[in-house]
C-alpha cells in the first residue's frame, strides 16, 4: 500500500519550522551553500499543503563529499537512491524516474 498524502490547512508555524531547519544548515554549510530556501507548498502563506517542510540548498559546485559531511553532522542522511519526487495524487505519468 502506498503512503497516503494528507493535505493540511495552512500552519503559520511552517515558516518558523523552516527557520529552525535552515539556520543550522547555513552554519554547517557555510560558503558551500549559496542559498538555502524554503520551497514547496508550505512556503506559500495561506496555502494548504502536505505537512512537510521542503528545503532547497543551492551550491555553485557540487562537492558531494563535503556536502554530505556537513549535513551528516546535523543528523541528516544522504540517500543516493532517491532520484525523483512523488507523483501528485491522480497522476500516472512516469515522472518519478
Protein backbone atom coordinates (compact mmCIF):
# COMPACT_ATOMS: atom_id res chain seq x y z
CA UNK A 1 0.00 0.00 0.00
CA UNK A 2 1.33 3.43 -0.93
CA UNK A 3 1.62 6.18 1.65
CA UNK A 4 -1.47 8.33 1.79
CA UNK A 5 -0.78 12.01 1.12
CA UNK A 6 -2.64 14.24 3.55
CA UNK A 7 -3.19 17.92 2.78
CA UNK A 8 -3.30 20.02 5.96
CA UNK A 9 -4.67 23.53 6.41
CA UNK A 10 -2.02 26.25 6.31
CA UNK A 11 0.00 26.36 9.52
CA UNK A 12 1.60 29.70 10.45
CA UNK A 13 4.34 27.70 12.20
CA UNK A 14 5.71 26.40 8.87
CA UNK A 15 7.96 29.46 8.25
CA UNK A 16 9.30 29.14 11.81
CA UNK A 17 9.91 25.42 11.27
CA UNK A 18 11.88 26.24 8.12
CA UNK A 19 13.95 28.76 10.09
CA UNK A 20 14.62 26.07 12.73
CA UNK A 21 15.87 23.77 9.94
CA UNK A 22 17.62 26.40 7.83
CA UNK A 23 19.71 28.16 10.47
CA UNK A 24 21.81 25.10 11.43
CA UNK A 25 22.19 24.20 7.74
CA UNK A 26 23.53 27.69 7.00
CA UNK A 27 26.01 27.36 9.86
CA UNK A 28 27.12 23.84 8.90
CA UNK A 29 27.40 24.52 5.17
CA UNK A 30 28.89 28.00 5.37
CA UNK A 31 30.28 29.08 1.99
CA UNK A 32 29.36 25.72 0.40
CA UNK A 33 25.76 26.93 0.15
CA UNK A 34 24.93 29.94 -1.98
CA UNK A 35 21.33 29.83 -0.78
CA UNK A 36 19.10 27.77 1.47
CA UNK A 37 15.44 28.27 0.63
CA UNK A 38 12.05 27.17 1.90
CA UNK A 39 10.34 25.80 -1.20
CA UNK A 40 7.16 23.92 -1.99
CA UNK A 41 3.61 24.44 -0.86
CA UNK A 42 4.42 25.05 2.83
CA UNK A 43 6.36 28.13 1.71
CA UNK A 44 3.21 29.77 0.33
CA UNK A 45 1.36 31.78 3.01
CA UNK A 46 -2.25 30.67 3.37
CA UNK A 47 -1.94 27.58 1.13
CA UNK A 48 -2.99 24.15 2.37
CA UNK A 49 -0.16 21.65 1.91
CA UNK A 50 1.44 18.38 2.90
CA UNK A 51 2.84 18.95 6.38
CA UNK A 52 6.42 18.58 5.13
CA UNK A 53 8.96 21.40 5.03
CA UNK A 54 10.91 21.28 1.76
CA UNK A 55 14.39 22.79 1.84
CA UNK A 56 16.46 23.53 -1.25
CA UNK A 57 20.20 24.03 -0.97
CA UNK A 58 21.86 25.82 -3.89
CA UNK A 59 25.59 25.32 -4.43
CA UNK A 60 27.96 26.75 -7.03
CA UNK A 61 29.86 23.47 -7.32
CA UNK A 62 28.55 20.08 -6.31
CA UNK A 63 31.09 18.62 -3.91
CA UNK A 64 29.12 15.64 -2.66
CA UNK A 65 31.74 14.55 -0.11
CA UNK A 66 31.83 17.96 1.60
CA UNK A 67 28.05 18.47 1.47
CA UNK A 68 27.30 15.02 2.87
CA UNK A 69 29.86 15.50 5.65
CA UNK A 70 28.34 18.87 6.61
CA UNK A 71 24.72 17.75 6.71
CA UNK A 72 25.54 14.38 8.28
CA UNK A 73 26.97 16.26 11.25
CA UNK A 74 23.42 17.63 11.77
CA UNK A 75 21.91 14.14 11.75
CA UNK A 76 20.70 14.11 8.14
CA UNK A 77 21.24 11.04 5.97
CA UNK A 78 22.20 11.12 2.30
CA UNK A 79 20.14 8.81 0.07
CA UNK A 80 21.95 8.01 -3.20
CA UNK A 81 19.00 6.01 -4.50
CA UNK A 82 16.45 8.85 -4.40
CA UNK A 83 16.48 10.40 -7.85
CA UNK A 84 12.95 11.81 -8.13
CA UNK A 85 9.91 13.02 -6.26
CA UNK A 86 6.48 11.52 -5.63
CA UNK A 87 3.65 11.90 -8.11
CA UNK A 88 0.73 14.16 -7.22
CA UNK A 89 -2.47 12.26 -6.36
CA UNK A 90 -4.21 11.01 -9.50
CA UNK A 91 -1.20 11.46 -11.80
CA UNK A 92 0.02 8.34 -13.58
CA UNK A 93 2.98 9.60 -15.65
CA UNK A 94 6.50 8.24 -15.25
CA UNK A 95 7.71 11.47 -13.58
CA UNK A 96 9.27 9.53 -10.70
CA UNK A 97 12.19 8.45 -12.92
